[in-house]
Amino acid sequence: MRLLLLSLAAVAACQKPPIEPRYAPGASMSASITVTSPSFREGTRMPVDLTCDGNDVMPEIVLSSPPDKTKSLVIYVEDPDASSGTFTHMIAFNLSPDLRKLPSGSDLSAGGEAARFGLNDFQAARYSGPCPPKGEAHRYRFRVVALDKMLELPEGAPRSQIDEATDGHILGEGTLSGHFGH
């Protein structure tokens, strides 16, 4: 039994801690992207159709121009109020820096040829809408990040690999937040 516990402790010690991706050298933290949606305004309740209680459809996302030298965009949809820590509902990466509108739905074709979904915390490579526990209301962030490179990762790459690949390559970002509860 003691050998088993020591083995488990050794495996846990070898795992890397989560990375908090940093800005690219020389990038200005003030470089921002305006993120809006015709589906809901900043800080308001998200429509049921965007959630697990409705059609679980990704909202239309509208973006301003990213900072100069942007090579790709990443869109994260996150629940910072989850009891286990920030819960990822979607990651879309390698979106074209020319993207100004991502239509509602589950298709990334407007994001360019290289656009891919990463693996969310539901273990799915797609948008999975807000679905807080019954009786709770949570906030949801649609965070757009501009990168100085394309990510050489496959469809379904896990968040840890995406965070590692973006570390030191962020040029700017913007956020749209809404909330939902049952």
N, C-alpha and C. Protein backbone atom coordinates (compact mmCIF):
# COMPACT_ATOMS: atom_id res chain seq x y z
N MET A 1 0.83 -1.18 0.00
CA MET A 1 0.00 0.00 0.00
C MET A 1 0.87 1.25 0.00
N ARG A 2 1.91 1.22 0.82
CA ARG A 2 2.80 2.38 0.89
C ARG A 2 3.46 2.63 -0.46
N LEU A 3 3.84 1.57 -1.18
CA LEU A 3 4.46 1.71 -2.50
C LEU A 3 3.47 2.35 -3.48
N LEU A 4 2.21 1.95 -3.41
CA LEU A 4 1.18 2.53 -4.27
C LEU A 4 1.02 4.03 -4.00
N LEU A 5 0.98 4.42 -2.74
CA LEU A 5 0.85 5.83 -2.38
C LEU A 5 2.07 6.64 -2.86
N LEU A 6 3.25 6.08 -2.71
CA LEU A 6 4.46 6.76 -3.18
C LEU A 6 4.45 6.90 -4.70
N SER A 7 3.97 5.87 -5.41
CA SER A 7 3.88 5.93 -6.87
C SER A 7 2.91 7.01 -7.31
N LEU A 8 1.75 7.09 -6.65
CA LEU A 8 0.77 8.11 -6.97
C LEU A 8 1.31 9.50 -6.69
N ALA A 9 2.03 9.67 -5.60
CA ALA A 9 2.62 10.96 -5.27
C ALA A 9 3.67 11.36 -6.31
N ALA A 10 4.44 10.41 -6.79
CA ALA A 10 5.46 10.69 -7.80
C ALA A 10 4.82 11.12 -9.11
N VAL A 11 3.74 10.45 -9.51
CA VAL A 11 3.03 10.83 -10.74
C VAL A 11 2.46 12.23 -10.60
N ALA A 12 1.85 12.53 -9.47
CA ALA A 12 1.26 13.87 -9.25
C ALA A 12 2.34 14.94 -9.27
N ALA A 13 3.50 14.66 -8.75
CA ALA A 13 4.59 15.63 -8.72
C ALA A 13 5.13 15.91 -10.11
N CYS A 14 5.01 14.95 -11.03
CA CYS A 14 5.52 15.11 -12.40
C CYS A 14 4.57 15.93 -13.28
N GLN A 15 3.32 16.06 -12.89
CA GLN A 15 2.38 16.81 -13.70
C GLN A 15 2.69 18.30 -13.60
N LYS A 16 2.60 18.97 -14.76
CA LYS A 16 2.86 20.39 -14.79
C LYS A 16 1.68 21.16 -14.20
N PRO A 17 1.96 22.23 -13.48
CA PRO A 17 0.86 23.07 -13.01
C PRO A 17 0.26 23.79 -14.21
N PRO A 18 -1.01 24.21 -14.12
CA PRO A 18 -1.62 24.92 -15.25
C PRO A 18 -0.84 26.21 -15.55
N ILE A 19 -0.78 26.52 -16.85
CA ILE A 19 -0.08 27.73 -17.30
C ILE A 19 -1.09 28.86 -17.41
N GLU A 20 -0.70 30.03 -16.96
CA GLU A 20 -1.47 31.25 -17.19
C GLU A 20 -0.74 31.97 -18.32
N PRO A 21 -1.26 31.87 -19.57
CA PRO A 21 -0.53 32.44 -20.71
C PRO A 21 -0.22 33.92 -20.52
N ARG A 22 0.99 34.30 -20.93
CA ARG A 22 1.48 35.66 -20.79
C ARG A 22 1.49 36.39 -22.13
N TYR A 23 1.63 37.71 -22.04
CA TYR A 23 1.72 38.54 -23.24
C TYR A 23 3.05 38.32 -23.95
N ALA A 24 3.06 38.61 -25.26
CA ALA A 24 4.28 38.53 -26.05
C ALA A 24 5.24 39.62 -25.58
N PRO A 25 6.55 39.40 -25.68
CA PRO A 25 7.50 40.44 -25.30
C PRO A 25 7.23 41.72 -26.10
N GLY A 26 7.17 42.84 -25.41
CA GLY A 26 6.94 44.13 -26.05
C GLY A 26 5.49 44.45 -26.37
N ALA A 27 4.57 43.50 -26.16
CA ALA A 27 3.15 43.75 -26.43
C ALA A 27 2.57 44.64 -25.34
N SER A 28 1.68 45.51 -25.74
CA SER A 28 1.05 46.43 -24.80
C SER A 28 -0.20 45.78 -24.21
N MET A 29 -0.27 45.74 -22.89
CA MET A 29 -1.45 45.16 -22.26
C MET A 29 -2.68 46.00 -22.53
N SER A 30 -2.51 47.23 -23.04
CA SER A 30 -3.65 48.08 -23.33
C SER A 30 -4.26 47.78 -24.69
N ALA A 31 -3.57 46.95 -25.51
CA ALA A 31 -4.11 46.59 -26.81
C ALA A 31 -5.35 45.73 -26.59
N SER A 32 -6.49 46.27 -26.97
CA SER A 32 -7.72 45.54 -26.68
C SER A 32 -8.56 45.31 -27.94
N ILE A 33 -9.45 44.35 -27.82
CA ILE A 33 -10.40 44.00 -28.87
C ILE A 33 -11.79 44.21 -28.26
N THR A 34 -12.65 44.91 -28.97
CA THR A 34 -14.02 45.08 -28.50
C THR A 34 -14.82 43.85 -28.94
N VAL A 35 -15.51 43.23 -27.99
CA VAL A 35 -16.30 42.03 -28.26
C VAL A 35 -17.75 42.34 -27.92
N THR A 36 -18.66 42.12 -28.88
CA THR A 36 -20.09 42.33 -28.66
C THR A 36 -20.87 41.19 -29.28
N SER A 37 -22.17 41.17 -29.02
CA SER A 37 -23.06 40.19 -29.61
C SER A 37 -24.45 40.79 -29.75
N PRO A 38 -25.13 40.56 -30.88
CA PRO A 38 -26.51 41.00 -30.99
C PRO A 38 -27.45 40.16 -30.11
N SER A 39 -26.97 39.04 -29.58
CA SER A 39 -27.78 38.14 -28.75
C SER A 39 -27.98 38.66 -27.33
N PHE A 40 -26.98 39.36 -26.79
CA PHE A 40 -27.08 39.90 -25.43
C PHE A 40 -26.04 41.01 -25.26
N ARG A 41 -26.33 41.93 -24.38
CA ARG A 41 -25.42 43.04 -24.08
C ARG A 41 -24.52 42.67 -22.89
N GLU A 42 -23.42 43.37 -22.78
CA GLU A 42 -22.47 43.18 -21.68
C GLU A 42 -23.20 43.20 -20.34
N GLY A 43 -22.96 42.15 -19.54
CA GLY A 43 -23.49 42.07 -18.18
C GLY A 43 -24.95 41.69 -18.06
N THR A 44 -25.61 41.35 -19.17
CA THR A 44 -27.03 41.00 -19.11
C THR A 44 -27.23 39.48 -19.14
N ARG A 45 -28.47 39.08 -18.91
CA ARG A 45 -28.84 37.66 -18.95
C ARG A 45 -28.75 37.14 -20.39
N MET A 46 -28.16 35.97 -20.53
CA MET A 46 -28.04 35.34 -21.84
C MET A 46 -29.35 34.65 -22.20
N PRO A 47 -29.76 34.71 -23.47
CA PRO A 47 -30.99 34.03 -23.90
C PRO A 47 -30.91 32.51 -23.71
N VAL A 48 -32.04 31.91 -23.40
CA VAL A 48 -32.12 30.47 -23.15
C VAL A 48 -31.61 29.66 -24.33
N ASP A 49 -31.83 30.10 -25.57
CA ASP A 49 -31.38 29.34 -26.74
C ASP A 49 -29.87 29.10 -26.76
N LEU A 50 -29.11 29.92 -26.06
CA LEU A 50 -27.65 29.77 -26.04
C LEU A 50 -27.19 28.77 -24.98
N THR A 51 -28.12 28.23 -24.20
CA THR A 51 -27.81 27.41 -23.03
C THR A 51 -28.27 25.97 -23.18
N CYS A 52 -27.94 25.16 -22.19
CA CYS A 52 -28.36 23.75 -22.18
C CYS A 52 -29.87 23.61 -21.99
N ASP A 53 -30.54 24.66 -21.51
CA ASP A 53 -32.00 24.62 -21.38
C ASP A 53 -32.69 24.90 -22.71
N GLY A 54 -31.93 25.39 -23.69
CA GLY A 54 -32.49 25.73 -25.00
C GLY A 54 -31.84 24.88 -26.07
N ASN A 55 -31.35 25.54 -27.12
CA ASN A 55 -30.76 24.84 -28.27
C ASN A 55 -29.24 24.69 -28.18
N ASP A 56 -28.63 25.22 -27.11
CA ASP A 56 -27.19 25.10 -26.92
C ASP A 56 -26.42 25.64 -28.13
N VAL A 57 -26.84 26.81 -28.61
CA VAL A 57 -26.28 27.42 -29.81
C VAL A 57 -25.32 28.54 -29.43
N MET A 58 -24.16 28.54 -30.05
CA MET A 58 -23.18 29.61 -29.83
C MET A 58 -23.76 30.92 -30.36
N PRO A 59 -23.65 32.01 -29.58
CA PRO A 59 -24.17 33.28 -30.06
C PRO A 59 -23.29 33.87 -31.17
N GLU A 60 -23.86 34.78 -31.93
CA GLU A 60 -23.06 35.53 -32.89
C GLU A 60 -22.11 36.41 -32.08
N ILE A 61 -20.85 36.44 -32.50
CA ILE A 61 -19.83 37.24 -31.83
C ILE A 61 -19.29 38.25 -32.85
N VAL A 62 -19.24 39.52 -32.45
CA VAL A 62 -18.74 40.59 -33.32
C VAL A 62 -17.48 41.16 -32.67
N LEU A 63 -16.42 41.34 -33.48
CA LEU A 63 -15.12 41.78 -32.97
C LEU A 63 -14.64 43.04 -33.68
N SER A 64 -13.91 43.87 -32.94
CA SER A 64 -13.20 44.98 -33.57
C SER A 64 -11.89 44.44 -34.12
N SER A 65 -11.15 45.28 -34.81
CA SER A 65 -9.85 44.88 -35.35
C SER A 65 -8.90 44.52 -34.21
N PRO A 66 -8.14 43.43 -34.38
CA PRO A 66 -7.15 43.08 -33.36
C PRO A 66 -5.90 43.94 -33.52
N PRO A 67 -4.97 43.86 -32.58
CA PRO A 67 -3.72 44.63 -32.68
C PRO A 67 -2.94 44.27 -33.95
N ASP A 68 -2.09 45.21 -34.39
CA ASP A 68 -1.19 44.95 -35.52
C ASP A 68 -0.37 43.69 -35.25
N LYS A 69 0.00 43.01 -36.29
CA LYS A 69 0.84 41.81 -36.27
C LYS A 69 0.13 40.58 -35.72
N THR A 70 -1.21 40.65 -35.57
CA THR A 70 -1.97 39.48 -35.13
C THR A 70 -1.97 38.44 -36.24
N LYS A 71 -1.64 37.21 -35.89
CA LYS A 71 -1.62 36.10 -36.86
C LYS A 71 -2.83 35.17 -36.69
N SER A 72 -3.40 35.13 -35.47
CA SER A 72 -4.58 34.29 -35.23
C SER A 72 -5.29 34.76 -33.98
N LEU A 73 -6.54 34.31 -33.86
CA LEU A 73 -7.37 34.62 -32.70
C LEU A 73 -7.79 33.34 -31.99
N VAL A 74 -7.98 33.43 -30.70
CA VAL A 74 -8.52 32.34 -29.90
C VAL A 74 -9.75 32.90 -29.19
N ILE A 75 -10.85 32.13 -29.17
CA ILE A 75 -12.04 32.52 -28.41
C ILE A 75 -12.26 31.47 -27.33
N TYR A 76 -12.32 31.94 -26.08
CA TYR A 76 -12.61 31.10 -24.94
C TYR A 76 -14.01 31.47 -24.44
N VAL A 77 -14.81 30.48 -24.06
CA VAL A 77 -16.05 30.72 -23.33
C VAL A 77 -15.86 30.03 -21.99
N GLU A 78 -15.90 30.85 -20.91
CA GLU A 78 -15.53 30.35 -19.59
C GLU A 78 -16.57 30.72 -18.54
N ASP A 79 -16.72 29.84 -17.57
CA ASP A 79 -17.57 30.09 -16.39
C ASP A 79 -16.63 30.26 -15.20
N PRO A 80 -16.39 31.50 -14.76
CA PRO A 80 -15.48 31.70 -13.63
C PRO A 80 -16.12 31.39 -12.28
N ASP A 81 -17.43 31.10 -12.26
CA ASP A 81 -18.14 30.86 -11.01
C ASP A 81 -18.31 29.38 -10.67
N ALA A 82 -17.79 28.49 -11.48
CA ALA A 82 -17.91 27.06 -11.22
C ALA A 82 -17.23 26.71 -9.90
N SER A 83 -17.80 25.78 -9.17
CA SER A 83 -17.26 25.43 -7.85
C SER A 83 -15.85 24.84 -7.93
N SER A 84 -15.49 24.23 -9.07
CA SER A 84 -14.18 23.62 -9.22
C SER A 84 -13.14 24.57 -9.80
N GLY A 85 -13.51 25.83 -10.01
CA GLY A 85 -12.62 26.80 -10.65
C GLY A 85 -13.16 27.12 -12.03
N THR A 86 -12.45 27.90 -12.79
CA THR A 86 -12.93 28.31 -14.11
C THR A 86 -13.19 27.08 -14.98
N PHE A 87 -14.42 27.01 -15.52
CA PHE A 87 -14.86 25.89 -16.34
C PHE A 87 -14.93 26.37 -17.79
N THR A 88 -14.28 25.65 -18.70
CA THR A 88 -14.23 26.03 -20.11
C THR A 88 -15.38 25.39 -20.88
N HIS A 89 -16.22 26.24 -21.50
CA HIS A 89 -17.35 25.77 -22.31
C HIS A 89 -17.00 25.70 -23.79
N MET A 90 -15.97 26.43 -24.21
CA MET A 90 -15.53 26.37 -25.60
C MET A 90 -14.15 27.00 -25.73
N ILE A 91 -13.36 26.43 -26.64
CA ILE A 91 -12.13 27.06 -27.11
C ILE A 91 -12.14 26.90 -28.62
N ALA A 92 -12.02 28.00 -29.32
CA ALA A 92 -11.85 27.98 -30.77
C ALA A 92 -10.54 28.69 -31.05
N PHE A 93 -9.65 28.06 -31.82
CA PHE A 93 -8.34 28.66 -32.06
C PHE A 93 -8.00 28.66 -33.55
N ASN A 94 -6.95 29.39 -33.88
CA ASN A 94 -6.51 29.60 -35.25
C ASN A 94 -7.56 30.29 -36.11
N LEU A 95 -8.36 31.15 -35.47
CA LEU A 95 -9.32 31.95 -36.21
C LEU A 95 -8.56 33.06 -36.93
N SER A 96 -9.03 33.41 -38.11
CA SER A 96 -8.37 34.43 -38.92
C SER A 96 -8.36 35.78 -38.21
N PRO A 97 -7.24 36.52 -38.31
CA PRO A 97 -7.20 37.86 -37.72
C PRO A 97 -8.11 38.84 -38.47
N ASP A 98 -8.60 38.45 -39.63
CA ASP A 98 -9.53 39.27 -40.41
C ASP A 98 -10.98 39.06 -39.97
N LEU A 99 -11.22 38.11 -39.08
CA LEU A 99 -12.57 37.82 -38.61
C LEU A 99 -13.15 39.02 -37.86
N ARG A 100 -14.34 39.44 -38.26
CA ARG A 100 -15.03 40.52 -37.56
C ARG A 100 -16.38 40.06 -37.03
N LYS A 101 -16.86 38.92 -37.55
CA LYS A 101 -18.13 38.37 -37.07
C LYS A 101 -18.10 36.85 -37.19
N LEU A 102 -18.35 36.18 -36.07
CA LEU A 102 -18.50 34.74 -36.06
C LEU A 102 -20.00 34.48 -35.92
N PRO A 103 -20.64 33.95 -36.97
CA PRO A 103 -22.10 33.77 -36.93
C PRO A 103 -22.55 32.81 -35.83
N SER A 104 -23.79 32.95 -35.44
CA SER A 104 -24.41 32.05 -34.47
C SER A 104 -24.41 30.63 -35.02
N GLY A 105 -24.29 29.67 -34.16
CA GLY A 105 -24.31 28.26 -34.57
C GLY A 105 -23.11 27.52 -34.02
N SER A 106 -22.73 26.47 -34.70
CA SER A 106 -21.62 25.65 -34.21
C SER A 106 -20.54 25.47 -35.26
N ASP A 107 -20.59 26.27 -36.32
CA ASP A 107 -19.67 26.14 -37.43
C ASP A 107 -18.59 27.21 -37.33
N LEU A 108 -17.34 26.82 -37.51
CA LEU A 108 -16.23 27.78 -37.46
C LEU A 108 -15.76 28.20 -38.85
N SER A 109 -16.48 27.84 -39.92
CA SER A 109 -16.01 28.12 -41.27
C SER A 109 -15.75 29.60 -41.52
N ALA A 110 -16.50 30.49 -40.87
CA ALA A 110 -16.27 31.93 -41.02
C ALA A 110 -14.94 32.34 -40.40
N GLY A 111 -14.37 31.48 -39.56
CA GLY A 111 -13.11 31.78 -38.89
C GLY A 111 -11.88 31.49 -39.72
N GLY A 112 -12.08 30.94 -40.92
CA GLY A 112 -10.95 30.63 -41.80
C GLY A 112 -10.67 29.15 -41.86
N GLU A 113 -9.84 28.79 -42.85
CA GLU A 113 -9.51 27.38 -43.10
C GLU A 113 -8.87 26.66 -41.93
N ALA A 114 -8.05 27.36 -41.18
CA ALA A 114 -7.28 26.73 -40.10
C ALA A 114 -8.04 26.69 -38.77
N ALA A 115 -9.25 27.27 -38.71
CA ALA A 115 -10.01 27.35 -37.45
C ALA A 115 -10.31 25.96 -36.90
N ARG A 116 -10.11 25.81 -35.60
CA ARG A 116 -10.30 24.52 -34.92
C ARG A 116 -10.97 24.75 -33.57
N PHE A 117 -11.65 23.71 -33.10
CA PHE A 117 -12.16 23.69 -31.72
C PHE A 117 -11.16 22.92 -30.87
N GLY A 118 -10.89 23.45 -29.68
CA GLY A 118 -10.14 22.71 -28.68
C GLY A 118 -11.14 21.94 -27.82
N LEU A 119 -10.64 21.12 -26.95
CA LEU A 119 -11.46 20.30 -26.06
C LEU A 119 -11.94 21.15 -24.89
N ASN A 120 -13.26 21.19 -24.66
CA ASN A 120 -13.79 21.94 -23.52
C ASN A 120 -13.84 21.04 -22.29
N ASP A 121 -14.30 21.56 -21.17
CA ASP A 121 -14.33 20.77 -19.94
C ASP A 121 -15.47 19.75 -19.89
N PHE A 122 -16.32 19.73 -20.92
CA PHE A 122 -17.29 18.64 -21.09
C PHE A 122 -16.66 17.51 -21.90
N GLN A 123 -15.37 17.67 -22.26
CA GLN A 123 -14.62 16.73 -23.08
C GLN A 123 -15.19 16.64 -24.49
N ALA A 124 -15.65 17.80 -25.02
CA ALA A 124 -16.18 17.89 -26.37
C ALA A 124 -15.47 19.00 -27.13
N ALA A 125 -15.24 18.81 -28.41
CA ALA A 125 -14.60 19.82 -29.25
C ALA A 125 -15.70 20.60 -29.96
N ARG A 126 -16.38 21.47 -29.19
CA ARG A 126 -17.48 22.28 -29.72
C ARG A 126 -17.89 23.28 -28.64
N TYR A 127 -18.87 24.11 -28.97
CA TYR A 127 -19.49 25.00 -28.00
C TYR A 127 -20.47 24.18 -27.16
N SER A 128 -20.36 24.29 -25.87
CA SER A 128 -21.32 23.72 -24.92
C SER A 128 -21.78 24.88 -24.05
N GLY A 129 -23.03 25.27 -24.21
CA GLY A 129 -23.53 26.49 -23.58
C GLY A 129 -23.63 26.44 -22.07
N PRO A 130 -23.95 27.61 -21.49
CA PRO A 130 -24.11 27.71 -20.05
C PRO A 130 -25.09 26.66 -19.50
N CYS A 131 -24.71 26.07 -18.38
CA CYS A 131 -25.53 25.02 -17.77
C CYS A 131 -25.17 24.93 -16.29
N PRO A 132 -25.41 26.01 -15.53
CA PRO A 132 -25.05 25.97 -14.12
C PRO A 132 -25.95 25.01 -13.34
N PRO A 133 -25.54 24.61 -12.16
CA PRO A 133 -26.41 23.76 -11.33
C PRO A 133 -27.74 24.48 -11.06
N LYS A 134 -28.80 23.69 -10.95
CA LYS A 134 -30.13 24.25 -10.68
C LYS A 134 -30.08 25.13 -9.45
N GLY A 135 -30.73 26.29 -9.55
CA GLY A 135 -30.77 27.22 -8.43
C GLY A 135 -29.60 28.18 -8.37
N GLU A 136 -28.62 28.05 -9.27
CA GLU A 136 -27.46 28.94 -9.28
C GLU A 136 -27.44 29.77 -10.55
N ALA A 137 -26.94 30.98 -10.45
CA ALA A 137 -26.69 31.83 -11.61
C ALA A 137 -25.18 32.02 -11.71
N HIS A 138 -24.64 31.87 -12.90
CA HIS A 138 -23.21 32.01 -13.12
C HIS A 138 -22.95 33.06 -14.19
N ARG A 139 -21.74 33.63 -14.16
CA ARG A 139 -21.28 34.53 -15.21
C ARG A 139 -20.58 33.71 -16.27
N TYR A 140 -20.64 34.20 -17.51
CA TYR A 140 -19.98 33.53 -18.63
C TYR A 140 -19.21 34.57 -19.43
N ARG A 141 -17.91 34.29 -19.65
CA ARG A 141 -17.03 35.22 -20.37
C ARG A 141 -16.75 34.68 -21.77
N PHE A 142 -16.94 35.51 -22.77
CA PHE A 142 -16.53 35.24 -24.13
C PHE A 142 -15.27 36.08 -24.33
N ARG A 143 -14.12 35.42 -24.23
CA ARG A 143 -12.84 36.13 -24.23
C ARG A 143 -12.13 35.87 -25.55
N VAL A 144 -11.78 36.94 -26.26
CA VAL A 144 -11.08 36.85 -27.54
C VAL A 144 -9.63 37.28 -27.30
N VAL A 145 -8.70 36.45 -27.74
CA VAL A 145 -7.27 36.70 -27.53
C VAL A 145 -6.57 36.75 -28.89
N ALA A 146 -5.80 37.81 -29.14
CA ALA A 146 -5.01 37.95 -30.37
C ALA A 146 -3.62 37.39 -30.12
N LEU A 147 -3.14 36.58 -31.06
CA LEU A 147 -1.82 35.95 -30.94
C LEU A 147 -0.90 36.38 -32.08
N ASP A 148 0.39 36.33 -31.83
CA ASP A 148 1.37 36.66 -32.87
C ASP A 148 1.79 35.42 -33.67
N LYS A 149 1.02 34.34 -33.56
CA LYS A 149 1.34 33.12 -34.31
C LYS A 149 0.08 32.26 -34.47
N MET A 150 0.16 31.30 -35.37
CA MET A 150 -0.86 30.26 -35.51
C MET A 150 -0.43 29.13 -34.55
N LEU A 151 -1.41 28.41 -34.03
CA LEU A 151 -1.10 27.29 -33.13
C LEU A 151 -1.00 26.01 -33.95
N GLU A 152 0.07 25.30 -33.78
CA GLU A 152 0.27 24.04 -34.50
C GLU A 152 -0.28 22.90 -33.65
N LEU A 153 -1.60 22.92 -33.51
CA LEU A 153 -2.30 21.93 -32.69
C LEU A 153 -3.47 21.37 -33.48
N PRO A 154 -3.85 20.13 -33.22
CA PRO A 154 -4.97 19.53 -33.93
C PRO A 154 -6.32 19.89 -33.33
N GLU A 155 -7.37 19.66 -34.08
CA GLU A 155 -8.74 19.76 -33.57
C GLU A 155 -8.82 18.90 -32.31
N GLY A 156 -9.48 19.41 -31.28
CA GLY A 156 -9.66 18.65 -30.04
C GLY A 156 -8.49 18.74 -29.08
N ALA A 157 -7.53 19.64 -29.34
CA ALA A 157 -6.40 19.79 -28.41
C ALA A 157 -6.94 20.24 -27.05
N PRO A 158 -6.41 19.71 -25.95
CA PRO A 158 -6.88 20.11 -24.61
C PRO A 158 -6.44 21.52 -24.24
N ARG A 159 -7.14 22.12 -23.32
CA ARG A 159 -6.88 23.49 -22.87
C ARG A 159 -5.43 23.66 -22.43
N SER A 160 -4.87 22.67 -21.74
CA SER A 160 -3.49 22.80 -21.25
C SER A 160 -2.50 22.99 -22.41
N GLN A 161 -2.70 22.29 -23.51
CA GLN A 161 -1.82 22.44 -24.67
C GLN A 161 -2.02 23.79 -25.34
N ILE A 162 -3.26 24.24 -25.41
CA ILE A 162 -3.55 25.55 -26.01
C ILE A 162 -2.94 26.65 -25.17
N ASP A 163 -3.10 26.57 -23.85
CA ASP A 163 -2.49 27.57 -22.96
C ASP A 163 -0.97 27.59 -23.09
N GLU A 164 -0.37 26.42 -23.17
CA GLU A 164 1.08 26.34 -23.30
C GLU A 164 1.54 26.95 -24.63
N ALA A 165 0.79 26.69 -25.70
CA ALA A 165 1.16 27.20 -27.02
C ALA A 165 0.95 28.71 -27.13
N THR A 166 0.02 29.28 -26.37
CA THR A 166 -0.23 30.72 -26.43
C THR A 166 0.68 31.52 -25.48
N ASP A 167 1.31 30.84 -24.53
CA ASP A 167 2.14 31.52 -23.54
C ASP A 167 3.25 32.33 -24.22
N GLY A 168 3.28 33.63 -23.93
CA GLY A 168 4.29 34.51 -24.48
C GLY A 168 3.96 35.01 -25.88
N HIS A 169 2.74 34.75 -26.36
CA HIS A 169 2.36 35.14 -27.73
C HIS A 169 1.11 36.01 -27.79
N ILE A 170 0.60 36.47 -26.66
CA ILE A 170 -0.62 37.27 -26.63
C ILE A 170 -0.29 38.73 -26.97
N LEU A 171 -1.04 39.28 -27.92
CA LEU A 171 -0.87 40.68 -28.33
C LEU A 171 -1.95 41.58 -27.76
N GLY A 172 -3.11 41.04 -27.46
CA GLY A 172 -4.23 41.82 -26.94
C GLY A 172 -5.42 40.91 -26.71
N GLU A 173 -6.46 41.46 -26.06
CA GLU A 173 -7.65 40.66 -25.81
C GLU A 173 -8.84 41.54 -25.50
N GLY A 174 -10.01 40.91 -25.51
CA GLY A 174 -11.24 41.59 -25.16
C GLY A 174 -12.24 40.58 -24.63
N THR A 175 -13.23 41.07 -23.89
CA THR A 175 -14.18 40.17 -23.22
C THR A 175 -15.60 40.71 -23.32
N LEU A 176 -16.53 39.79 -23.51
CA LEU A 176 -17.96 40.06 -23.39
C LEU A 176 -18.47 39.11 -22.32
N SER A 177 -19.21 39.62 -21.32
CA SER A 177 -19.72 38.78 -20.24
C SER A 177 -21.23 38.85 -20.17
N GLY A 178 -21.82 37.71 -19.87
CA GLY A 178 -23.25 37.61 -19.62
C GLY A 178 -23.47 36.69 -18.45
N HIS A 179 -24.72 36.49 -18.05
CA HIS A 179 -24.99 35.56 -16.96
C HIS A 179 -26.23 34.73 -17.30
N PHE A 180 -26.32 33.59 -16.62
CA PHE A 180 -27.46 32.70 -16.81
C PHE A 180 -27.66 31.86 -15.56
N GLY A 181 -28.91 31.61 -15.26
CA GLY A 181 -29.29 30.72 -14.16
C GLY A 181 -30.62 30.08 -14.49
N HIS A 182 -30.85 28.90 -13.93
CA HIS A 182 -32.11 28.18 -14.18
C HIS A 182 -33.21 28.75 -13.31
